[in-house]
Amino acid sequence: MEKKTLNKSCCGSKIETTRLVEKNSLCPVCGENGTFVKNITVKHMVLDELTEQVSNNDYFLCMNEECDVTYYNTESNTKFNKQQVKVPLWFKKDANPKYACYCSKVTEGQVIDAVLKDGATDMKDVLKITGAMSKSQCQKKNPLGKCCHPMIQAAIDKALSMK
């Protein structure tokens, strides 16, 4: 196991995570490497009637945009698909809406509009215009259980490339 401390999140705390051995991080359906997610996040993301099926182990999130699987844990042999989570995952091909900030329910389209229509030029402008990152509950509301800053920045970059 490898322990790694990540940068400070918008929630105001450092995120410490323990990564499982790499062989356990492969999606059981598509075989691609997943991203580590704590089980508290999975418990808040899956439909209420499925919460009891979430094991006490941490999970991985399949980042393959084509794969139907969302969260999985190969040790407990549990997995959930897109229809079993409460929100669409922004990176899956059919995500609608495509959120940039899950806590404040700000979509990628709203971020792009803030840049193209409202004149935002950076993160500070976008946060002021959209209200993104104002209701920080990332561990429970963001499918990755992490700060949405990188997703918002990606939407800003996408909008700036459209100018």
N, C-alpha and C. Protein backbone atom coordinates (compact mmCIF):
# COMPACT_ATOMS: atom_id res chain seq x y z
N MET A 1 0.84 -1.18 0.00
CA MET A 1 0.00 0.00 0.00
C MET A 1 0.88 1.24 0.00
N GLU A 2 0.41 2.25 -0.72
CA GLU A 2 1.16 3.49 -0.83
C GLU A 2 0.31 4.61 -0.28
N LYS A 3 0.86 5.38 0.66
CA LYS A 3 0.13 6.49 1.24
C LYS A 3 0.59 7.77 0.58
N LYS A 4 -0.37 8.62 0.23
CA LYS A 4 -0.02 9.85 -0.46
C LYS A 4 -0.90 10.97 0.05
N THR A 5 -0.32 12.12 0.38
CA THR A 5 -1.10 13.27 0.80
C THR A 5 -1.25 14.19 -0.40
N LEU A 6 -2.49 14.52 -0.70
CA LEU A 6 -2.77 15.37 -1.85
C LEU A 6 -2.84 16.82 -1.40
N ASN A 7 -2.93 17.72 -2.35
CA ASN A 7 -3.03 19.14 -2.06
C ASN A 7 -4.28 19.46 -1.25
N LYS A 8 -4.27 20.63 -0.66
CA LYS A 8 -5.40 21.09 0.11
C LYS A 8 -6.61 21.21 -0.82
N SER A 9 -7.76 20.76 -0.36
CA SER A 9 -8.97 20.82 -1.17
C SER A 9 -9.74 22.10 -0.88
N CYS A 10 -10.78 22.33 -1.66
CA CYS A 10 -11.61 23.51 -1.42
C CYS A 10 -12.38 23.36 -0.12
N CYS A 11 -12.42 22.15 0.40
CA CYS A 11 -13.10 21.91 1.68
C CYS A 11 -12.24 22.36 2.86
N GLY A 12 -11.01 22.77 2.59
CA GLY A 12 -10.15 23.31 3.62
C GLY A 12 -9.29 22.31 4.36
N SER A 13 -9.25 21.07 3.91
CA SER A 13 -8.42 20.10 4.60
C SER A 13 -7.54 19.36 3.60
N LYS A 14 -6.46 18.79 4.13
CA LYS A 14 -5.62 17.98 3.25
C LYS A 14 -6.29 16.63 3.08
N ILE A 15 -6.15 16.08 1.90
CA ILE A 15 -6.76 14.78 1.61
C ILE A 15 -5.66 13.74 1.66
N GLU A 16 -5.81 12.78 2.58
CA GLU A 16 -4.85 11.69 2.64
C GLU A 16 -5.54 10.44 2.16
N THR A 17 -4.84 9.68 1.36
CA THR A 17 -5.46 8.50 0.78
C THR A 17 -4.48 7.34 0.78
N THR A 18 -5.01 6.15 0.86
CA THR A 18 -4.20 4.95 0.76
C THR A 18 -4.61 4.25 -0.52
N ARG A 19 -3.66 3.99 -1.39
CA ARG A 19 -3.96 3.36 -2.66
C ARG A 19 -3.76 1.85 -2.54
N LEU A 20 -4.71 1.09 -3.08
CA LEU A 20 -4.60 -0.36 -3.07
C LEU A 20 -3.63 -0.82 -4.13
N VAL A 21 -3.17 -2.04 -4.02
CA VAL A 21 -2.25 -2.61 -4.99
C VAL A 21 -2.85 -2.49 -6.39
N GLU A 22 -2.03 -2.19 -7.39
CA GLU A 22 -2.51 -1.86 -8.73
C GLU A 22 -3.41 -2.92 -9.35
N LYS A 23 -3.15 -4.20 -9.12
CA LYS A 23 -3.97 -5.24 -9.74
C LYS A 23 -5.42 -5.16 -9.30
N ASN A 24 -5.66 -4.63 -8.10
CA ASN A 24 -7.02 -4.48 -7.60
C ASN A 24 -7.74 -3.27 -8.17
N SER A 25 -7.02 -2.43 -8.89
CA SER A 25 -7.64 -1.21 -9.40
C SER A 25 -8.17 -1.36 -10.83
N LEU A 26 -8.08 -2.54 -11.41
CA LEU A 26 -8.57 -2.75 -12.77
C LEU A 26 -10.07 -3.00 -12.78
N CYS A 27 -10.78 -2.27 -13.63
CA CYS A 27 -12.23 -2.43 -13.74
C CYS A 27 -12.55 -3.87 -14.16
N PRO A 28 -13.49 -4.52 -13.46
CA PRO A 28 -13.82 -5.91 -13.79
C PRO A 28 -14.53 -6.07 -15.13
N VAL A 29 -15.00 -4.98 -15.73
CA VAL A 29 -15.70 -5.07 -17.01
C VAL A 29 -14.80 -4.69 -18.18
N CYS A 30 -14.19 -3.49 -18.11
CA CYS A 30 -13.39 -3.03 -19.25
C CYS A 30 -11.89 -3.28 -19.08
N GLY A 31 -11.44 -3.56 -17.84
CA GLY A 31 -10.04 -3.85 -17.59
C GLY A 31 -9.14 -2.63 -17.46
N GLU A 32 -9.71 -1.42 -17.53
CA GLU A 32 -8.88 -0.22 -17.38
C GLU A 32 -8.65 0.09 -15.91
N ASN A 33 -7.56 0.81 -15.64
CA ASN A 33 -7.18 1.20 -14.30
C ASN A 33 -8.17 2.24 -13.77
N GLY A 34 -8.67 2.07 -12.55
CA GLY A 34 -9.62 3.01 -11.97
C GLY A 34 -8.94 4.01 -11.06
N THR A 35 -9.72 4.98 -10.60
CA THR A 35 -9.25 6.01 -9.68
C THR A 35 -9.78 5.72 -8.29
N PHE A 36 -8.91 5.78 -7.30
CA PHE A 36 -9.26 5.49 -5.90
C PHE A 36 -10.33 6.44 -5.38
N VAL A 37 -11.34 5.89 -4.68
CA VAL A 37 -12.41 6.67 -4.06
C VAL A 37 -12.74 6.04 -2.71
N LYS A 38 -12.85 6.86 -1.69
CA LYS A 38 -13.20 6.35 -0.35
C LYS A 38 -14.64 5.84 -0.33
N ASN A 39 -14.89 4.86 0.53
CA ASN A 39 -16.23 4.26 0.55
C ASN A 39 -17.29 5.23 1.04
N ILE A 40 -16.95 6.24 1.82
CA ILE A 40 -17.95 7.24 2.25
C ILE A 40 -18.53 7.96 1.04
N THR A 41 -17.70 8.20 0.04
CA THR A 41 -18.18 8.84 -1.19
C THR A 41 -19.14 7.92 -1.91
N VAL A 42 -18.77 6.66 -2.05
CA VAL A 42 -19.61 5.69 -2.74
C VAL A 42 -20.96 5.57 -2.04
N LYS A 43 -20.96 5.54 -0.71
CA LYS A 43 -22.21 5.43 0.04
C LYS A 43 -23.14 6.61 -0.24
N HIS A 44 -22.59 7.78 -0.49
CA HIS A 44 -23.41 8.95 -0.79
C HIS A 44 -23.79 9.04 -2.27
N MET A 45 -23.07 8.36 -3.12
CA MET A 45 -23.32 8.44 -4.56
C MET A 45 -24.32 7.41 -5.07
N VAL A 46 -24.32 6.21 -4.49
CA VAL A 46 -25.23 5.18 -4.99
C VAL A 46 -26.66 5.49 -4.55
N LEU A 47 -27.62 4.96 -5.28
CA LEU A 47 -29.03 5.14 -4.93
C LEU A 47 -29.27 4.67 -3.50
N ASP A 48 -30.18 5.34 -2.81
CA ASP A 48 -30.42 5.05 -1.39
C ASP A 48 -30.70 3.58 -1.13
N GLU A 49 -31.43 2.94 -2.02
CA GLU A 49 -31.78 1.53 -1.80
C GLU A 49 -30.59 0.59 -1.97
N LEU A 50 -29.46 1.10 -2.45
CA LEU A 50 -28.26 0.27 -2.65
C LEU A 50 -27.18 0.53 -1.60
N THR A 51 -27.40 1.49 -0.74
CA THR A 51 -26.39 1.87 0.25
C THR A 51 -25.90 0.68 1.08
N GLU A 52 -26.79 -0.21 1.45
CA GLU A 52 -26.40 -1.36 2.27
C GLU A 52 -25.46 -2.32 1.53
N GLN A 53 -25.46 -2.25 0.20
CA GLN A 53 -24.58 -3.12 -0.59
C GLN A 53 -23.15 -2.61 -0.66
N VAL A 54 -22.94 -1.35 -0.26
CA VAL A 54 -21.60 -0.77 -0.28
C VAL A 54 -20.79 -1.40 0.86
N SER A 55 -19.68 -2.04 0.51
CA SER A 55 -18.85 -2.69 1.52
C SER A 55 -18.08 -1.64 2.33
N ASN A 56 -17.42 -2.09 3.38
CA ASN A 56 -16.63 -1.18 4.21
C ASN A 56 -15.28 -0.86 3.58
N ASN A 57 -14.97 -1.51 2.47
CA ASN A 57 -13.72 -1.25 1.75
C ASN A 57 -13.84 0.03 0.94
N ASP A 58 -12.70 0.58 0.55
CA ASP A 58 -12.69 1.70 -0.38
C ASP A 58 -12.87 1.14 -1.79
N TYR A 59 -13.15 2.00 -2.72
CA TYR A 59 -13.51 1.60 -4.09
C TYR A 59 -12.60 2.25 -5.12
N PHE A 60 -12.86 1.89 -6.37
CA PHE A 60 -12.27 2.55 -7.52
C PHE A 60 -13.40 3.02 -8.40
N LEU A 61 -13.15 4.09 -9.14
CA LEU A 61 -14.11 4.64 -10.09
C LEU A 61 -13.57 4.38 -11.49
N CYS A 62 -14.35 3.71 -12.32
CA CYS A 62 -13.92 3.44 -13.69
C CYS A 62 -14.02 4.73 -14.50
N MET A 63 -12.89 5.20 -15.00
CA MET A 63 -12.83 6.46 -15.72
C MET A 63 -13.00 6.29 -17.24
N ASN A 64 -13.28 5.08 -17.68
CA ASN A 64 -13.50 4.81 -19.11
C ASN A 64 -14.85 5.38 -19.50
N GLU A 65 -14.87 6.34 -20.40
CA GLU A 65 -16.12 7.02 -20.77
C GLU A 65 -17.14 6.09 -21.42
N GLU A 66 -16.68 4.98 -21.97
CA GLU A 66 -17.57 4.03 -22.64
C GLU A 66 -18.12 2.95 -21.70
N CYS A 67 -17.46 2.72 -20.59
CA CYS A 67 -17.83 1.62 -19.67
C CYS A 67 -19.05 2.01 -18.83
N ASP A 68 -19.95 1.06 -18.63
CA ASP A 68 -21.16 1.28 -17.85
C ASP A 68 -20.88 1.24 -16.34
N VAL A 69 -19.74 0.69 -15.94
CA VAL A 69 -19.40 0.57 -14.52
C VAL A 69 -18.98 1.93 -13.96
N THR A 70 -19.42 2.19 -12.73
CA THR A 70 -18.97 3.40 -12.03
C THR A 70 -18.00 2.96 -10.94
N TYR A 71 -18.51 2.55 -9.78
CA TYR A 71 -17.67 2.16 -8.66
C TYR A 71 -17.53 0.65 -8.59
N TYR A 72 -16.34 0.21 -8.19
CA TYR A 72 -16.12 -1.23 -8.03
C TYR A 72 -15.04 -1.48 -6.99
N ASN A 73 -15.13 -2.65 -6.38
CA ASN A 73 -14.10 -3.11 -5.47
C ASN A 73 -13.92 -4.60 -5.74
N THR A 74 -12.74 -4.97 -6.21
CA THR A 74 -12.50 -6.37 -6.58
C THR A 74 -12.32 -7.27 -5.36
N GLU A 75 -11.93 -6.71 -4.21
CA GLU A 75 -11.77 -7.51 -3.00
C GLU A 75 -13.12 -7.97 -2.45
N SER A 76 -14.11 -7.08 -2.45
CA SER A 76 -15.45 -7.44 -1.94
C SER A 76 -16.37 -7.90 -3.07
N ASN A 77 -15.85 -7.85 -4.30
CA ASN A 77 -16.60 -8.28 -5.49
C ASN A 77 -17.91 -7.50 -5.64
N THR A 78 -17.84 -6.18 -5.41
CA THR A 78 -19.01 -5.34 -5.59
C THR A 78 -18.75 -4.33 -6.70
N LYS A 79 -19.79 -4.04 -7.45
CA LYS A 79 -19.68 -3.00 -8.48
C LYS A 79 -21.05 -2.37 -8.69
N PHE A 80 -21.03 -1.13 -9.14
CA PHE A 80 -22.24 -0.37 -9.42
C PHE A 80 -22.11 0.22 -10.81
N ASN A 81 -23.24 0.34 -11.51
CA ASN A 81 -23.21 0.91 -12.86
C ASN A 81 -23.82 2.32 -12.86
N LYS A 82 -23.83 2.95 -14.03
CA LYS A 82 -24.29 4.33 -14.16
C LYS A 82 -25.74 4.52 -13.71
N GLN A 83 -26.56 3.51 -13.89
CA GLN A 83 -27.96 3.61 -13.50
C GLN A 83 -28.15 3.48 -11.98
N GLN A 84 -27.11 3.11 -11.27
CA GLN A 84 -27.21 2.89 -9.83
C GLN A 84 -26.61 4.02 -9.00
N VAL A 85 -26.26 5.12 -9.65
CA VAL A 85 -25.75 6.28 -8.92
C VAL A 85 -26.72 7.45 -9.08
N LYS A 86 -26.67 8.37 -8.14
CA LYS A 86 -27.63 9.48 -8.06
C LYS A 86 -27.39 10.58 -9.09
N VAL A 87 -26.17 10.72 -9.55
CA VAL A 87 -25.84 11.81 -10.46
C VAL A 87 -25.10 11.29 -11.70
N PRO A 88 -25.24 11.98 -12.81
CA PRO A 88 -24.46 11.58 -13.99
C PRO A 88 -22.98 11.90 -13.77
N LEU A 89 -22.11 11.03 -14.24
CA LEU A 89 -20.67 11.24 -14.09
C LEU A 89 -20.17 12.05 -15.29
N TRP A 90 -19.58 13.20 -15.02
CA TRP A 90 -19.23 14.17 -16.05
C TRP A 90 -18.40 13.59 -17.18
N PHE A 91 -17.60 12.58 -16.93
CA PHE A 91 -16.68 12.07 -17.94
C PHE A 91 -17.28 10.92 -18.77
N LYS A 92 -18.42 10.40 -18.36
CA LYS A 92 -19.06 9.34 -19.14
C LYS A 92 -19.71 9.97 -20.36
N LYS A 93 -19.69 9.26 -21.49
CA LYS A 93 -20.09 9.85 -22.77
C LYS A 93 -21.52 10.40 -22.80
N ASP A 94 -22.42 9.83 -22.03
CA ASP A 94 -23.81 10.27 -22.09
C ASP A 94 -24.24 11.08 -20.86
N ALA A 95 -23.30 11.67 -20.14
CA ALA A 95 -23.61 12.44 -18.93
C ALA A 95 -24.51 13.63 -19.27
N ASN A 96 -25.63 13.73 -18.55
CA ASN A 96 -26.55 14.84 -18.76
C ASN A 96 -27.34 15.07 -17.48
N PRO A 97 -27.11 16.19 -16.80
CA PRO A 97 -26.18 17.25 -17.15
C PRO A 97 -24.73 16.85 -16.84
N LYS A 98 -23.84 17.62 -17.39
CA LYS A 98 -22.41 17.39 -17.19
C LYS A 98 -21.93 18.42 -16.18
N TYR A 99 -21.85 17.99 -14.92
CA TYR A 99 -21.47 18.92 -13.85
C TYR A 99 -19.97 19.19 -13.84
N ALA A 100 -19.65 20.45 -13.56
CA ALA A 100 -18.26 20.84 -13.29
C ALA A 100 -18.07 20.93 -11.78
N CYS A 101 -19.14 21.33 -11.08
CA CYS A 101 -19.13 21.41 -9.61
C CYS A 101 -20.40 20.74 -9.11
N TYR A 102 -20.23 19.58 -8.48
CA TYR A 102 -21.37 18.82 -7.99
C TYR A 102 -21.99 19.45 -6.74
N CYS A 103 -21.19 20.01 -5.87
CA CYS A 103 -21.71 20.56 -4.61
C CYS A 103 -22.67 21.71 -4.86
N SER A 104 -22.34 22.56 -5.82
CA SER A 104 -23.18 23.73 -6.11
C SER A 104 -24.04 23.52 -7.35
N LYS A 105 -24.00 22.31 -7.93
CA LYS A 105 -24.79 21.96 -9.11
C LYS A 105 -24.55 22.94 -10.28
N VAL A 106 -23.28 23.21 -10.55
CA VAL A 106 -22.90 24.08 -11.66
C VAL A 106 -22.41 23.20 -12.80
N THR A 107 -23.00 23.38 -13.98
CA THR A 107 -22.65 22.54 -15.12
C THR A 107 -21.47 23.10 -15.91
N GLU A 108 -20.90 22.24 -16.72
CA GLU A 108 -19.83 22.67 -17.62
C GLU A 108 -20.35 23.79 -18.52
N GLY A 109 -21.58 23.67 -18.98
CA GLY A 109 -22.18 24.70 -19.84
C GLY A 109 -22.26 26.05 -19.17
N GLN A 110 -22.59 26.07 -17.88
CA GLN A 110 -22.66 27.32 -17.14
C GLN A 110 -21.27 27.96 -17.01
N VAL A 111 -20.26 27.14 -16.81
CA VAL A 111 -18.89 27.65 -16.72
C VAL A 111 -18.48 28.23 -18.08
N ILE A 112 -18.78 27.51 -19.14
CA ILE A 112 -18.45 27.98 -20.49
C ILE A 112 -19.17 29.30 -20.79
N ASP A 113 -20.46 29.39 -20.42
CA ASP A 113 -21.21 30.64 -20.62
C ASP A 113 -20.61 31.79 -19.82
N ALA A 114 -20.14 31.50 -18.60
CA ALA A 114 -19.53 32.54 -17.78
C ALA A 114 -18.32 33.14 -18.48
N VAL A 115 -17.59 32.31 -19.21
CA VAL A 115 -16.41 32.78 -19.94
C VAL A 115 -16.83 33.47 -21.24
N LEU A 116 -17.64 32.79 -22.04
CA LEU A 116 -17.98 33.31 -23.36
C LEU A 116 -19.00 34.45 -23.34
N LYS A 117 -19.97 34.41 -22.46
CA LYS A 117 -21.04 35.41 -22.46
C LYS A 117 -20.88 36.48 -21.39
N ASP A 118 -20.29 36.09 -20.24
CA ASP A 118 -20.20 37.03 -19.12
C ASP A 118 -18.81 37.62 -18.93
N GLY A 119 -17.84 37.20 -19.76
CA GLY A 119 -16.51 37.79 -19.72
C GLY A 119 -15.56 37.28 -18.67
N ALA A 120 -15.87 36.16 -18.03
CA ALA A 120 -14.95 35.60 -17.04
C ALA A 120 -13.64 35.21 -17.72
N THR A 121 -12.54 35.44 -17.03
CA THR A 121 -11.23 35.11 -17.62
C THR A 121 -10.43 34.13 -16.77
N ASP A 122 -10.89 33.90 -15.53
CA ASP A 122 -10.14 33.00 -14.66
C ASP A 122 -11.08 32.36 -13.63
N MET A 123 -10.51 31.53 -12.78
CA MET A 123 -11.28 30.79 -11.79
C MET A 123 -12.06 31.74 -10.87
N LYS A 124 -11.41 32.79 -10.41
CA LYS A 124 -12.06 33.73 -9.49
C LYS A 124 -13.33 34.31 -10.12
N ASP A 125 -13.25 34.71 -11.38
CA ASP A 125 -14.42 35.26 -12.09
C ASP A 125 -15.53 34.22 -12.20
N VAL A 126 -15.16 33.01 -12.60
CA VAL A 126 -16.15 31.95 -12.79
C VAL A 126 -16.86 31.62 -11.48
N LEU A 127 -16.11 31.54 -10.39
CA LEU A 127 -16.71 31.23 -9.09
C LEU A 127 -17.70 32.31 -8.68
N LYS A 128 -17.35 33.56 -8.94
CA LYS A 128 -18.22 34.68 -8.59
C LYS A 128 -19.50 34.66 -9.43
N ILE A 129 -19.38 34.39 -10.71
CA ILE A 129 -20.53 34.41 -11.61
C ILE A 129 -21.45 33.20 -11.41
N THR A 130 -20.86 32.02 -11.24
CA THR A 130 -21.66 30.78 -11.19
C THR A 130 -22.02 30.30 -9.79
N GLY A 131 -21.26 30.71 -8.79
CA GLY A 131 -21.48 30.20 -7.44
C GLY A 131 -20.83 28.84 -7.21
N ALA A 132 -20.04 28.39 -8.17
CA ALA A 132 -19.34 27.10 -8.02
C ALA A 132 -18.44 27.14 -6.79
N MET A 133 -18.25 25.98 -6.18
CA MET A 133 -17.40 25.77 -5.02
C MET A 133 -17.87 26.55 -3.78
N SER A 134 -19.11 26.98 -3.75
CA SER A 134 -19.60 27.74 -2.60
C SER A 134 -20.27 26.85 -1.55
N LYS A 135 -20.56 25.61 -1.90
CA LYS A 135 -21.21 24.68 -0.97
C LYS A 135 -20.37 23.42 -0.85
N SER A 136 -19.15 23.57 -0.42
CA SER A 136 -18.18 22.48 -0.41
C SER A 136 -18.57 21.30 0.47
N GLN A 137 -18.96 20.23 -0.18
CA GLN A 137 -19.21 18.94 0.45
C GLN A 137 -18.67 17.87 -0.49
N CYS A 138 -17.46 18.10 -0.96
CA CYS A 138 -16.87 17.30 -2.03
C CYS A 138 -16.81 15.80 -1.72
N GLN A 139 -16.50 15.45 -0.51
CA GLN A 139 -16.36 14.02 -0.18
C GLN A 139 -17.68 13.29 -0.35
N LYS A 140 -18.79 13.98 -0.19
CA LYS A 140 -20.11 13.36 -0.29
C LYS A 140 -20.80 13.61 -1.63
N LYS A 141 -20.49 14.71 -2.30
CA LYS A 141 -21.25 15.08 -3.50
C LYS A 141 -20.50 14.92 -4.82
N ASN A 142 -19.17 14.99 -4.79
CA ASN A 142 -18.40 14.80 -6.01
C ASN A 142 -18.10 13.31 -6.18
N PRO A 143 -18.39 12.74 -7.34
CA PRO A 143 -18.16 11.30 -7.54
C PRO A 143 -16.73 10.83 -7.24
N LEU A 144 -15.76 11.73 -7.33
CA LEU A 144 -14.38 11.38 -6.98
C LEU A 144 -14.10 11.56 -5.49
N GLY A 145 -15.00 12.26 -4.80
CA GLY A 145 -14.79 12.53 -3.38
C GLY A 145 -13.71 13.57 -3.16
N LYS A 146 -13.42 14.34 -4.18
CA LYS A 146 -12.36 15.36 -4.13
C LYS A 146 -12.89 16.69 -4.62
N CYS A 147 -12.12 17.72 -4.43
CA CYS A 147 -12.46 19.06 -4.86
C CYS A 147 -12.69 19.11 -6.38
N CYS A 148 -13.67 19.88 -6.80
CA CYS A 148 -14.02 19.98 -8.22
C CYS A 148 -13.18 21.02 -8.98
N HIS A 149 -12.26 21.67 -8.32
CA HIS A 149 -11.42 22.70 -8.95
C HIS A 149 -10.87 22.26 -10.31
N PRO A 150 -10.28 21.05 -10.44
CA PRO A 150 -9.73 20.64 -11.74
C PRO A 150 -10.80 20.54 -12.84
N MET A 151 -12.02 20.13 -12.49
CA MET A 151 -13.09 20.02 -13.49
C MET A 151 -13.55 21.40 -13.93
N ILE A 152 -13.61 22.33 -13.00
CA ILE A 152 -13.99 23.71 -13.34
C ILE A 152 -12.92 24.33 -14.22
N GLN A 153 -11.65 24.12 -13.87
CA GLN A 153 -10.55 24.67 -14.66
C GLN A 153 -10.56 24.09 -16.07
N ALA A 154 -10.86 22.81 -16.20
CA ALA A 154 -10.94 22.18 -17.53
C ALA A 154 -12.05 22.83 -18.36
N ALA A 155 -13.18 23.15 -17.73
CA ALA A 155 -14.27 23.82 -18.45
C ALA A 155 -13.88 25.24 -18.85
N ILE A 156 -13.16 25.92 -17.98
CA ILE A 156 -12.66 27.27 -18.30
C ILE A 156 -11.72 27.19 -19.50
N ASP A 157 -10.79 26.25 -19.45
CA ASP A 157 -9.84 26.07 -20.56
C ASP A 157 -10.55 25.75 -21.86
N LYS A 158 -11.58 24.92 -21.78
CA LYS A 158 -12.37 24.56 -22.96
C LYS A 158 -13.03 25.81 -23.55
N ALA A 159 -13.61 26.63 -22.67
CA ALA A 159 -14.27 27.86 -23.12
C ALA A 159 -13.27 28.84 -23.73
N LEU A 160 -12.13 28.98 -23.08
CA LEU A 160 -11.10 29.90 -23.62
C LEU A 160 -10.60 29.46 -24.99
N SER A 161 -10.57 28.16 -25.22
CA SER A 161 -10.13 27.66 -26.54
C SER A 161 -11.20 27.89 -27.61
N MET A 162 -12.44 28.18 -27.21
CA MET A 162 -13.52 28.45 -28.15
C MET A 162 -13.55 29.91 -28.62
N LYS A 163 -12.87 30.77 -27.87
CA LYS A 163 -12.89 32.22 -28.20
C LYS A 163 -12.20 32.48 -29.52
